[in-house]
């Protein structure tokens, strides 16, 4: 089994567990925050949902800059519902697994 296949299997398994946690977010309380400096519950759920897709960028580009010089800074999406959060997570995970499945062991060893 290649490194990429092993990572794809592990990532899929862990992502399934993360999705179970996301499904339980009470999105009607999305504006709740435990502290004024903390993310709201909705923003935190969205942040976790976005992370599923970061793997694709990490696997397919040489660098990842959220605020590139001379470029547009990253701006997180706004989620209107739990369905939006889950679909973003699912799409990102699917794309990351597809990127992993196409990688060779040699490519996995590159910086």
PDB file of N, CA and C in Angstrom:
ATOM      1  N   UNK A   1       0.848  -1.177   0.000  1.00  0.00           N
ATOM      2  CA  UNK A   1       0.000   0.000   0.000  1.00  0.00           C
ATOM      3  C   UNK A   1       0.895   1.242   0.000  1.00  0.00           C
ATOM      4  N   UNK A   2       0.589   2.183  -0.855  1.00  0.00           N
ATOM      5  CA  UNK A   2       1.391   3.399  -0.932  1.00  0.00           C
ATOM      6  C   UNK A   2       1.093   4.309   0.256  1.00  0.00           C
ATOM      7  N   UNK A   3       1.991   5.265   0.500  1.00  0.00           N
ATOM      8  CA  UNK A   3       1.776   6.238   1.574  1.00  0.00           C
ATOM      9  C   UNK A   3       0.484   7.017   1.342  1.00  0.00           C
ATOM     10  N   UNK A   4       0.250   7.409   0.095  1.00  0.00           N
ATOM     11  CA  UNK A   4      -0.939   8.195  -0.226  1.00  0.00           C
ATOM     12  C   UNK A   4      -2.210   7.387   0.036  1.00  0.00           C
ATOM     13  N   UNK A   5      -2.195   6.108  -0.324  1.00  0.00           N
ATOM     14  CA  UNK A   5      -3.367   5.264  -0.073  1.00  0.00           C
ATOM     15  C   UNK A   5      -3.625   5.126   1.419  1.00  0.00           C
ATOM     16  N   UNK A   6      -2.568   4.940   2.177  1.00  0.00           N
ATOM     17  CA  UNK A   6      -2.703   4.825   3.625  1.00  0.00           C
ATOM     18  C   UNK A   6      -3.251   6.118   4.221  1.00  0.00           C
ATOM     19  N   UNK A   7      -2.698   7.253   3.806  1.00  0.00           N
ATOM     20  CA  UNK A   7      -3.174   8.543   4.312  1.00  0.00           C
ATOM     21  C   UNK A   7      -4.616   8.812   3.891  1.00  0.00           C
ATOM     22  N   UNK A   8      -4.970   8.431   2.676  1.00  0.00           N
ATOM     23  CA  UNK A   8      -6.347   8.625   2.210  1.00  0.00           C
ATOM     24  C   UNK A   8      -7.316   7.820   3.067  1.00  0.00           C
ATOM     25  N   UNK A   9      -6.924   6.591   3.405  1.00  0.00           N
ATOM     26  CA  UNK A   9      -7.765   5.745   4.248  1.00  0.00           C
ATOM     27  C   UNK A   9      -7.922   6.349   5.645  1.00  0.00           C
ATOM     28  N   UNK A  10      -6.814   6.780   6.230  1.00  0.00           N
ATOM     29  CA  UNK A  10      -6.855   7.381   7.570  1.00  0.00           C
ATOM     30  C   UNK A  10      -7.632   8.695   7.567  1.00  0.00           C
ATOM     31  N   UNK A  11      -7.397   9.522   6.556  1.00  0.00           N
ATOM     32  CA  UNK A  11      -8.079  10.813   6.452  1.00  0.00           C
ATOM     33  C   UNK A  11      -9.584  10.606   6.307  1.00  0.00           C
ATOM     34  N   UNK A  12      -9.970   9.636   5.502  1.00  0.00           N
ATOM     35  CA  UNK A  12     -11.399   9.348   5.320  1.00  0.00           C
ATOM     36  C   UNK A  12     -12.037   8.893   6.628  1.00  0.00           C
ATOM     37  N   UNK A  13     -11.347   8.039   7.353  1.00  0.00           N
ATOM     38  CA  UNK A  13     -11.879   7.537   8.627  1.00  0.00           C
ATOM     39  C   UNK A  13     -12.022   8.678   9.646  1.00  0.00           C
ATOM     40  N   UNK A  14     -10.986   9.489   9.781  1.00  0.00           N
ATOM     41  CA  UNK A  14     -11.040  10.594  10.741  1.00  0.00           C
ATOM     42  C   UNK A  14     -12.061  11.644  10.313  1.00  0.00           C
ATOM     43  N   UNK A  15     -12.183  11.865   9.022  1.00  0.00           N
ATOM     44  CA  UNK A  15     -13.155  12.834   8.518  1.00  0.00           C
ATOM     45  C   UNK A  15     -14.578  12.385   8.810  1.00  0.00           C
ATOM     46  N   UNK A  16     -14.818  11.088   8.740  1.00  0.00           N
ATOM     47  CA  UNK A  16     -16.152  10.570   9.061  1.00  0.00           C
ATOM     48  C   UNK A  16     -16.495  10.878  10.521  1.00  0.00           C
ATOM     49  N   UNK A  17     -15.522  10.733  11.413  1.00  0.00           N
ATOM     50  CA  UNK A  17     -15.754  11.063  12.825  1.00  0.00           C
ATOM     51  C   UNK A  17     -15.970  12.559  13.018  1.00  0.00           C
ATOM     52  N   UNK A  18     -15.214  13.370  12.297  1.00  0.00           N
ATOM     53  CA  UNK A  18     -15.377  14.821  12.390  1.00  0.00           C
ATOM     54  C   UNK A  18     -16.753  15.229  11.889  1.00  0.00           C
ATOM     55  N   UNK A  19     -17.221  14.573  10.817  1.00  0.00           N
ATOM     56  CA  UNK A  19     -18.542  14.894  10.284  1.00  0.00           C
ATOM     57  C   UNK A  19     -19.631  14.585  11.314  1.00  0.00           C
ATOM     58  N   UNK A  20     -19.479  13.488  12.028  1.00  0.00           N
ATOM     59  CA  UNK A  20     -20.447  13.142  13.077  1.00  0.00           C
ATOM     60  C   UNK A  20     -20.523  14.266  14.110  1.00  0.00           C
ATOM     61  N   UNK A  21     -19.376  14.806  14.493  1.00  0.00           N
ATOM     62  CA  UNK A  21     -19.365  15.921  15.450  1.00  0.00           C
ATOM     63  C   UNK A  21     -20.026  17.156  14.851  1.00  0.00           C
ATOM     64  N   UNK A  22     -19.727  17.468  13.594  1.00  0.00           N
ATOM     65  CA  UNK A  22     -20.328  18.638  12.948  1.00  0.00           C
ATOM     66  C   UNK A  22     -21.842  18.507  12.830  1.00  0.00           C
ATOM     67  N   UNK A  23     -22.326  17.299  12.582  1.00  0.00           N
ATOM     68  CA  UNK A  23     -23.769  17.077  12.461  1.00  0.00           C
ATOM     69  C   UNK A  23     -24.516  17.438  13.737  1.00  0.00           C
ATOM     70  N   UNK A  24     -23.823  17.440  14.846  1.00  0.00           N
ATOM     71  CA  UNK A  24     -24.455  17.695  16.131  1.00  0.00           C
ATOM     72  C   UNK A  24     -24.387  19.160  16.577  1.00  0.00           C
ATOM     73  N   UNK A  25     -23.817  20.008  15.760  1.00  0.00           N
ATOM     74  CA  UNK A  25     -23.738  21.431  16.106  1.00  0.00           C
ATOM     75  C   UNK A  25     -25.145  22.030  16.074  1.00  0.00           C
ATOM     76  N   UNK A  26     -25.586  22.632  17.177  1.00  0.00           N
ATOM     77  CA  UNK A  26     -26.904  23.272  17.190  1.00  0.00           C
ATOM     78  C   UNK A  26     -26.820  24.628  16.470  1.00  0.00           C
ATOM     79  N   UNK A  27     -26.984  24.606  15.153  1.00  0.00           N
ATOM     80  CA  UNK A  27     -26.737  25.805  14.354  1.00  0.00           C
ATOM     81  C   UNK A  27     -27.691  26.951  14.687  1.00  0.00           C
ATOM     82  N   UNK A  28     -28.814  26.647  15.341  1.00  0.00           N
ATOM     83  CA  UNK A  28     -29.711  27.734  15.762  1.00  0.00           C
ATOM     84  C   UNK A  28     -29.041  28.587  16.840  1.00  0.00           C
ATOM     85  N   UNK A  29     -27.936  28.091  17.394  1.00  0.00           N
ATOM     86  CA  UNK A  29     -27.174  28.836  18.398  1.00  0.00           C
ATOM     87  C   UNK A  29     -25.807  29.254  17.816  1.00  0.00           C
ATOM     88  N   UNK A  30     -25.759  29.449  16.522  1.00  0.00           N
ATOM     89  CA  UNK A  30     -24.497  29.748  15.835  1.00  0.00           C
ATOM     90  C   UNK A  30     -23.833  31.023  16.340  1.00  0.00           C
ATOM     91  N   UNK A  31     -24.595  31.942  16.881  1.00  0.00           N
ATOM     92  CA  UNK A  31     -24.020  33.205  17.362  1.00  0.00           C
ATOM     93  C   UNK A  31     -23.450  33.105  18.770  1.00  0.00           C
ATOM     94  N   UNK A  32     -23.627  31.966  19.433  1.00  0.00           N
ATOM     95  CA  UNK A  32     -23.140  31.803  20.789  1.00  0.00           C
ATOM     96  C   UNK A  32     -21.620  31.746  20.821  1.00  0.00           C
ATOM     97  N   UNK A  33     -21.047  32.391  21.824  1.00  0.00           N
ATOM     98  CA  UNK A  33     -19.603  32.388  22.030  1.00  0.00           C
ATOM     99  C   UNK A  33     -19.340  32.289  23.521  1.00  0.00           C
ATOM    100  N   UNK A  34     -18.385  31.460  23.939  1.00  0.00           N
ATOM    101  CA  UNK A  34     -18.119  31.322  25.365  1.00  0.00           C
ATOM    102  C   UNK A  34     -17.427  32.541  25.973  1.00  0.00           C
ATOM    103  N   UNK A  35     -16.836  33.367  25.113  1.00  0.00           N
ATOM    104  CA  UNK A  35     -16.114  34.545  25.592  1.00  0.00           C
ATOM    105  C   UNK A  35     -16.098  35.551  24.458  1.00  0.00           C
ATOM    106  N   UNK A  36     -16.022  36.818  24.788  1.00  0.00           N
ATOM    107  CA  UNK A  36     -16.055  37.862  23.752  1.00  0.00           C
ATOM    108  C   UNK A  36     -14.898  37.773  22.770  1.00  0.00           C
ATOM    109  N   UNK A  37     -13.773  37.162  23.166  1.00  0.00           N
ATOM    110  CA  UNK A  37     -12.627  37.026  22.276  1.00  0.00           C
ATOM    111  C   UNK A  37     -12.641  35.706  21.491  1.00  0.00           C
ATOM    112  N   UNK A  38     -13.607  34.856  21.786  1.00  0.00           N
ATOM    113  CA  UNK A  38     -13.686  33.545  21.143  1.00  0.00           C
ATOM    114  C   UNK A  38     -14.485  33.597  19.846  1.00  0.00           C
ATOM    115  N   UNK A  39     -14.232  32.619  18.988  1.00  0.00           N
ATOM    116  CA  UNK A  39     -15.061  32.457  17.794  1.00  0.00           C
ATOM    117  C   UNK A  39     -16.465  32.062  18.235  1.00  0.00           C
ATOM    118  N   UNK A  40     -17.443  32.413  17.425  1.00  0.00           N
ATOM    119  CA  UNK A  40     -18.798  31.931  17.699  1.00  0.00           C
ATOM    120  C   UNK A  40     -18.857  30.449  17.341  1.00  0.00           C
ATOM    121  N   UNK A  41     -19.869  29.787  17.823  1.00  0.00           N
ATOM    122  CA  UNK A  41     -20.055  28.372  17.533  1.00  0.00           C
ATOM    123  C   UNK A  41     -20.181  28.148  16.022  1.00  0.00           C
ATOM    124  N   UNK A  42     -20.916  29.006  15.344  1.00  0.00           N
ATOM    125  CA  UNK A  42     -21.083  28.875  13.897  1.00  0.00           C
ATOM    126  C   UNK A  42     -19.776  29.068  13.153  1.00  0.00           C
ATOM    127  N   UNK A  43     -18.979  30.035  13.576  1.00  0.00           N
ATOM    128  CA  UNK A  43     -17.685  30.282  12.912  1.00  0.00           C
ATOM    129  C   UNK A  43     -16.727  29.124  13.160  1.00  0.00           C
ATOM    130  N   UNK A  44     -16.741  28.581  14.362  1.00  0.00           N
ATOM    131  CA  UNK A  44     -15.878  27.451  14.670  1.00  0.00           C
ATOM    132  C   UNK A  44     -16.272  26.232  13.837  1.00  0.00           C
ATOM    133  N   UNK A  45     -17.558  25.963  13.719  1.00  0.00           N
ATOM    134  CA  UNK A  45     -18.028  24.851  12.878  1.00  0.00           C
ATOM    135  C   UNK A  45     -17.600  25.078  11.426  1.00  0.00           C
ATOM    136  N   UNK A  46     -17.729  26.309  10.960  1.00  0.00           N
ATOM    137  CA  UNK A  46     -17.299  26.631   9.599  1.00  0.00           C
ATOM    138  C   UNK A  46     -15.807  26.458   9.416  1.00  0.00           C
ATOM    139  N   UNK A  47     -15.041  26.848  10.420  1.00  0.00           N
ATOM    140  CA  UNK A  47     -13.585  26.701  10.367  1.00  0.00           C
ATOM    141  C   UNK A  47     -13.204  25.226  10.231  1.00  0.00           C
ATOM    142  N   UNK A  48     -13.843  24.378  11.016  1.00  0.00           N
ATOM    143  CA  UNK A  48     -13.574  22.941  10.926  1.00  0.00           C
ATOM    144  C   UNK A  48     -13.988  22.414   9.555  1.00  0.00           C
ATOM    145  N   UNK A  49     -15.113  22.893   9.048  1.00  0.00           N
ATOM    146  CA  UNK A  49     -15.579  22.460   7.725  1.00  0.00           C
ATOM    147  C   UNK A  49     -14.592  22.853   6.625  1.00  0.00           C
ATOM    148  N   UNK A  50     -14.018  24.032   6.724  1.00  0.00           N
ATOM    149  CA  UNK A  50     -13.048  24.492   5.723  1.00  0.00           C
ATOM    150  C   UNK A  50     -11.780  23.654   5.728  1.00  0.00           C
ATOM    151  N   UNK A  51     -11.372  23.186   6.904  1.00  0.00           N
ATOM    152  CA  UNK A  51     -10.113  22.457   7.024  1.00  0.00           C
ATOM    153  C   UNK A  51     -10.107  21.186   6.183  1.00  0.00           C
ATOM    154  N   UNK A  52     -11.261  20.605   5.948  1.00  0.00           N
ATOM    155  CA  UNK A  52     -11.325  19.410   5.116  1.00  0.00           C
ATOM    156  C   UNK A  52     -10.733  19.621   3.727  1.00  0.00           C
ATOM    157  N   UNK A  53     -10.900  20.803   3.196  1.00  0.00           N
ATOM    158  CA  UNK A  53     -10.408  21.104   1.857  1.00  0.00           C
ATOM    159  C   UNK A  53      -8.993  21.647   1.797  1.00  0.00           C
ATOM    160  N   UNK A  54      -8.419  21.998   2.909  1.00  0.00           N
ATOM    161  CA  UNK A  54      -7.063  22.540   2.894  1.00  0.00           C
ATOM    162  C   UNK A  54      -6.057  21.515   2.398  1.00  0.00           C
ATOM    163  N   UNK A  55      -6.358  20.240   2.608  1.00  0.00           N
ATOM    164  CA  UNK A  55      -5.441  19.192   2.162  1.00  0.00           C
ATOM    165  C   UNK A  55      -5.153  19.259   0.676  1.00  0.00           C
ATOM    166  N   UNK A  56      -6.148  19.623  -0.108  1.00  0.00           N
ATOM    167  CA  UNK A  56      -5.956  19.717  -1.555  1.00  0.00           C
ATOM    168  C   UNK A  56      -4.906  20.765  -1.886  1.00  0.00           C
ATOM    169  N   UNK A  57      -5.001  21.932  -1.272  1.00  0.00           N
ATOM    170  CA  UNK A  57      -4.008  22.986  -1.502  1.00  0.00           C
ATOM    171  C   UNK A  57      -2.627  22.557  -1.035  1.00  0.00           C
ATOM    172  N   UNK A  58      -2.585  21.910   0.115  1.00  0.00           N
ATOM    173  CA  UNK A  58      -1.305  21.472   0.665  1.00  0.00           C
ATOM    174  C   UNK A  58      -0.648  20.445  -0.252  1.00  0.00           C
ATOM    175  N   UNK A  59      -1.451  19.556  -0.825  1.00  0.00           N
ATOM    176  CA  UNK A  59      -0.914  18.496  -1.679  1.00  0.00           C
ATOM    177  C   UNK A  59      -0.572  18.961  -3.090  1.00  0.00           C
ATOM    178  N   UNK A  60      -1.206  20.015  -3.558  1.00  0.00           N
ATOM    179  CA  UNK A  60      -1.054  20.399  -4.960  1.00  0.00           C
ATOM    180  C   UNK A  60      -0.272  21.685  -5.200  1.00  0.00           C
ATOM    181  N   UNK A  61       0.140  22.370  -4.135  1.00  0.00           N
ATOM    182  CA  UNK A  61       0.918  23.590  -4.314  1.00  0.00           C
ATOM    183  C   UNK A  61       2.187  23.525  -3.469  1.00  0.00           C
ATOM    184  N   UNK A  62       3.181  24.305  -3.842  1.00  0.00           N
ATOM    185  CA  UNK A  62       4.452  24.306  -3.122  1.00  0.00           C
ATOM    186  C   UNK A  62       4.411  25.140  -1.849  1.00  0.00           C
ATOM    187  N   UNK A  63       3.492  26.086  -1.786  1.00  0.00           N
ATOM    188  CA  UNK A  63       3.368  26.905  -0.582  1.00  0.00           C
ATOM    189  C   UNK A  63       1.922  27.318  -0.403  1.00  0.00           C
ATOM    190  N   UNK A  64       1.599  27.666   0.813  1.00  0.00           N
ATOM    191  CA  UNK A  64       0.234  28.050   1.160  1.00  0.00           C
ATOM    192  C   UNK A  64       0.311  29.342   1.948  1.00  0.00           C
ATOM    193  N   UNK A  65      -0.126  30.414   1.359  1.00  0.00           N
ATOM    194  CA  UNK A  65      -0.052  31.729   1.989  1.00  0.00           C
ATOM    195  C   UNK A  65      -1.463  32.301   2.076  1.00  0.00           C
ATOM    196  N   UNK A  66      -1.949  32.492   3.285  1.00  0.00           N
ATOM    197  CA  UNK A  66      -3.303  33.007   3.460  1.00  0.00           C
ATOM    198  C   UNK A  66      -3.389  34.517   3.281  1.00  0.00           C
ATOM    199  N   UNK A  67      -2.245  35.163   3.198  1.00  0.00           N
ATOM    200  CA  UNK A  67      -2.218  36.604   3.005  1.00  0.00           C
ATOM    201  C   UNK A  67      -1.052  36.943   2.079  1.00  0.00           C
ATOM    202  N   UNK A  68      -1.136  36.535   0.806  1.00  0.00           N
ATOM    203  CA  UNK A  68       0.000  36.715  -0.098  1.00  0.00           C
ATOM    204  C   UNK A  68       0.276  38.186  -0.401  1.00  0.00           C
ATOM    205  N   UNK A  69       1.546  38.497  -0.463  1.00  0.00           N
ATOM    206  CA  UNK A  69       1.953  39.860  -0.793  1.00  0.00           C
ATOM    207  C   UNK A  69       1.484  40.178  -2.209  1.00  0.00           C
ATOM    208  N   UNK A  70       0.762  41.269  -2.355  1.00  0.00           N
ATOM    209  CA  UNK A  70       0.257  41.683  -3.651  1.00  0.00           C
ATOM    210  C   UNK A  70      -0.970  40.908  -4.103  1.00  0.00           C
ATOM    211  N   UNK A  71      -1.449  40.009  -3.266  1.00  0.00           N
ATOM    212  CA  UNK A  71      -2.625  39.219  -3.610  1.00  0.00           C
ATOM    213  C   UNK A  71      -3.759  39.466  -2.641  1.00  0.00           C
ATOM    214  N   UNK A  72      -4.817  38.759  -2.870  1.00  0.00           N
ATOM    215  CA  UNK A  72      -5.996  38.912  -2.029  1.00  0.00           C
ATOM    216  C   UNK A  72      -5.868  38.050  -0.777  1.00  0.00           C
ATOM    217  N   UNK A  73      -6.105  38.642   0.375  1.00  0.00           N
ATOM    218  CA  UNK A  73      -6.036  37.910   1.639  1.00  0.00           C
ATOM    219  C   UNK A  73      -7.205  36.940   1.738  1.00  0.00           C
ATOM    220  N   UNK A  74      -6.987  35.864   2.451  1.00  0.00           N
ATOM    221  CA  UNK A  74      -8.032  34.870   2.659  1.00  0.00           C
ATOM    222  C   UNK A  74      -9.192  35.484   3.433  1.00  0.00           C
ATOM    223  N   UNK A  75     -10.373  35.165   3.007  1.00  0.00           N
ATOM    224  CA  UNK A  75     -11.575  35.615   3.700  1.00  0.00           C
ATOM    225  C   UNK A  75     -12.469  34.388   3.898  1.00  0.00           C
ATOM    226  N   UNK A  76     -12.759  34.022   5.146  1.00  0.00           N
ATOM    227  CA  UNK A  76     -13.550  32.816   5.381  1.00  0.00           C
ATOM    228  C   UNK A  76     -14.979  32.977   4.865  1.00  0.00           C
ATOM    229  N   UNK A  77     -15.548  31.900   4.377  1.00  0.00           N
ATOM    230  CA  UNK A  77     -16.930  31.986   3.896  1.00  0.00           C
ATOM    231  C   UNK A  77     -17.906  32.151   5.052  1.00  0.00           C
ATOM    232  N   UNK A  78     -19.090  32.607   4.724  1.00  0.00           N
ATOM    233  CA  UNK A  78     -20.170  32.722   5.689  1.00  0.00           C
ATOM    234  C   UNK A  78     -21.117  31.555   5.464  1.00  0.00           C
ATOM    235  N   UNK A  79     -21.467  30.874   6.523  1.00  0.00           N
ATOM    236  CA  UNK A  79     -22.360  29.727   6.429  1.00  0.00           C
ATOM    237  C   UNK A  79     -23.729  30.115   6.960  1.00  0.00           C
ATOM    238  N   UNK A  80     -24.748  29.839   6.178  1.00  0.00           N
ATOM    239  CA  UNK A  80     -26.112  30.201   6.548  1.00  0.00           C
ATOM    240  C   UNK A  80     -26.847  29.076   7.273  1.00  0.00           C
ATOM    241  N   UNK A  81     -26.331  27.843   7.162  1.00  0.00           N
ATOM    242  CA  UNK A  81     -27.016  26.713   7.770  1.00  0.00           C
ATOM    243  C   UNK A  81     -26.028  25.587   8.028  1.00  0.00           C
ATOM    244  N   UNK A  82     -26.462  24.625   8.808  1.00  0.00           N
ATOM    245  CA  UNK A  82     -25.633  23.452   9.050  1.00  0.00           C
ATOM    246  C   UNK A  82     -25.435  22.660   7.760  1.00  0.00           C
ATOM    247  N   UNK A  83     -26.433  22.658   6.889  1.00  0.00           N
ATOM    248  CA  UNK A  83     -26.284  21.989   5.588  1.00  0.00           C
ATOM    249  C   UNK A  83     -25.141  22.600   4.788  1.00  0.00           C
ATOM    250  N   UNK A  84     -24.993  23.925   4.846  1.00  0.00           N
ATOM    251  CA  UNK A  84     -23.871  24.594   4.167  1.00  0.00           C
ATOM    252  C   UNK A  84     -22.539  24.140   4.748  1.00  0.00           C
ATOM    253  N   UNK A  85     -22.474  24.054   6.067  1.00  0.00           N
ATOM    254  CA  UNK A  85     -21.250  23.617   6.746  1.00  0.00           C
ATOM    255  C   UNK A  85     -20.900  22.194   6.301  1.00  0.00           C
ATOM    256  N   UNK A  86     -21.886  21.301   6.345  1.00  0.00           N
ATOM    257  CA  UNK A  86     -21.641  19.899   6.006  1.00  0.00           C
ATOM    258  C   UNK A  86     -21.280  19.716   4.540  1.00  0.00           C
ATOM    259  N   UNK A  87     -21.922  20.447   3.651  1.00  0.00           N
ATOM    260  CA  UNK A  87     -21.589  20.288   2.228  1.00  0.00           C
ATOM    261  C   UNK A  87     -20.184  20.814   1.930  1.00  0.00           C
ATOM    262  N   UNK A  88     -19.790  21.910   2.585  1.00  0.00           N
ATOM    263  CA  UNK A  88     -18.433  22.416   2.410  1.00  0.00           C
ATOM    264  C   UNK A  88     -17.422  21.395   2.918  1.00  0.00           C
ATOM    265  N   UNK A  89     -17.696  20.808   4.083  1.00  0.00           N
ATOM    266  CA  UNK A  89     -16.817  19.789   4.635  1.00  0.00           C
ATOM    267  C   UNK A  89     -16.722  18.585   3.697  1.00  0.00           C
ATOM    268  N   UNK A  90     -17.863  18.085   3.244  1.00  0.00           N
ATOM    269  CA  UNK A  90     -17.883  16.908   2.367  1.00  0.00           C
ATOM    270  C   UNK A  90     -17.136  17.155   1.060  1.00  0.00           C
ATOM    271  N   UNK A  91     -17.347  18.305   0.459  1.00  0.00           N
ATOM    272  CA  UNK A  91     -16.664  18.644  -0.795  1.00  0.00           C
ATOM    273  C   UNK A  91     -15.158  18.725  -0.587  1.00  0.00           C
ATOM    274  N   UNK A  92     -14.742  19.353   0.494  1.00  0.00           N
ATOM    275  CA  UNK A  92     -13.320  19.483   0.780  1.00  0.00           C
ATOM    276  C   UNK A  92     -12.660  18.148   1.038  1.00  0.00           C
ATOM    277  N   UNK A  93     -13.311  17.297   1.817  1.00  0.00           N
ATOM    278  CA  UNK A  93     -12.761  15.976   2.108  1.00  0.00           C
ATOM    279  C   UNK A  93     -12.667  15.149   0.830  1.00  0.00           C
ATOM    280  N   UNK A  94     -13.705  15.175   0.014  1.00  0.00           N
ATOM    281  CA  UNK A  94     -13.684  14.421  -1.250  1.00  0.00           C
ATOM    282  C   UNK A  94     -12.543  14.885  -2.146  1.00  0.00           C
ATOM    283  N   UNK A  95     -12.348  16.185  -2.244  1.00  0.00           N
ATOM    284  CA  UNK A  95     -11.268  16.723  -3.076  1.00  0.00           C
ATOM    285  C   UNK A  95      -9.901  16.346  -2.525  1.00  0.00           C
ATOM    286  N   UNK A  96      -9.743  16.388  -1.210  1.00  0.00           N
ATOM    287  CA  UNK A  96      -8.456  16.030  -0.596  1.00  0.00           C
ATOM    288  C   UNK A  96      -8.152  14.549  -0.793  1.00  0.00           C
ATOM    289  N   UNK A  97      -9.145  13.693  -0.629  1.00  0.00           N
ATOM    290  CA  UNK A  97      -8.941  12.255  -0.839  1.00  0.00           C
ATOM    291  C   UNK A  97      -8.594  11.990  -2.302  1.00  0.00           C
ATOM    292  N   UNK A  98      -9.270  12.654  -3.225  1.00  0.00           N
ATOM    293  CA  UNK A  98      -8.964  12.481  -4.649  1.00  0.00           C
ATOM    294  C   UNK A  98      -7.536  12.930  -4.956  1.00  0.00           C
ATOM    295  N   UNK A  99      -7.101  14.027  -4.348  1.00  0.00           N
ATOM    296  CA  UNK A  99      -5.725  14.498  -4.555  1.00  0.00           C
ATOM    297  C   UNK A  99      -4.728  13.500  -3.991  1.00  0.00           C
ATOM    298  N   UNK A 100      -5.022  12.939  -2.833  1.00  0.00           N
ATOM    299  CA  UNK A 100      -4.147  11.940  -2.233  1.00  0.00           C
ATOM    300  C   UNK A 100      -4.042  10.692  -3.100  1.00  0.00           C
ATOM    301  N   UNK A 101      -5.164  10.240  -3.605  1.00  0.00           N
ATOM    302  CA  UNK A 101      -5.184   9.006  -4.382  1.00  0.00           C
ATOM    303  C   UNK A 101      -4.366   9.096  -5.658  1.00  0.00           C
ATOM    304  N   UNK A 102      -4.132  10.292  -6.151  1.00  0.00           N
ATOM    305  CA  UNK A 102      -3.359  10.456  -7.366  1.00  0.00           C
ATOM    306  C   UNK A 102      -1.882  10.700  -7.134  1.00  0.00           C
ATOM    307  N   UNK A 103      -1.411  10.613  -5.892  1.00  0.00           N
ATOM    308  CA  UNK A 103      -0.030  10.950  -5.587  1.00  0.00           C
ATOM    309  C   UNK A 103       0.836   9.697  -5.476  1.00  0.00           C
ATOM    310  N   UNK A 104       2.066   9.826  -5.943  1.00  0.00           N
ATOM    311  CA  UNK A 104       3.029   8.739  -5.810  1.00  0.00           C
ATOM    312  C   UNK A 104       3.780   8.877  -4.494  1.00  0.00           C
ATOM    313  N   UNK A 105       4.442   7.800  -4.069  1.00  0.00           N
ATOM    314  CA  UNK A 105       5.266   7.889  -2.860  1.00  0.00           C
ATOM    315  C   UNK A 105       6.370   8.920  -3.035  1.00  0.00           C
ATOM    316  N   UNK A 106       6.899   9.004  -4.239  1.00  0.00           N
ATOM    317  CA  UNK A 106       7.965   9.989  -4.512  1.00  0.00           C
ATOM    318  C   UNK A 106       7.432  11.410  -4.309  1.00  0.00           C
ATOM    319  N   UNK A 107       6.265  11.687  -4.820  1.00  0.00           N
ATOM    320  CA  UNK A 107       5.675  13.016  -4.654  1.00  0.00           C
ATOM    321  C   UNK A 107       5.385  13.309  -3.182  1.00  0.00           C
ATOM    322  N   UNK A 108       5.028  12.293  -2.429  1.00  0.00           N
ATOM    323  CA  UNK A 108       4.756  12.486  -1.002  1.00  0.00           C
ATOM    324  C   UNK A 108       6.015  12.856  -0.225  1.00  0.00           C
ATOM    325  N   UNK A 109       7.158  12.529  -0.721  1.00  0.00           N
ATOM    326  CA  UNK A 109       8.421  12.812  -0.020  1.00  0.00           C
ATOM    327  C   UNK A 109       8.995  14.190  -0.354  1.00  0.00           C
ATOM    328  N   UNK A 110       8.426  14.867  -1.338  1.00  0.00           N
ATOM    329  CA  UNK A 110       8.922  16.200  -1.692  1.00  0.00           C
ATOM    330  C   UNK A 110       8.486  17.219  -0.653  1.00  0.00           C
ATOM    331  N   UNK A 111       9.297  18.263  -0.496  1.00  0.00           N
ATOM    332  CA  UNK A 111       8.933  19.356   0.421  1.00  0.00           C
ATOM    333  C   UNK A 111       7.820  20.159  -0.189  1.00  0.00           C
TER     334      UNK A 111
END
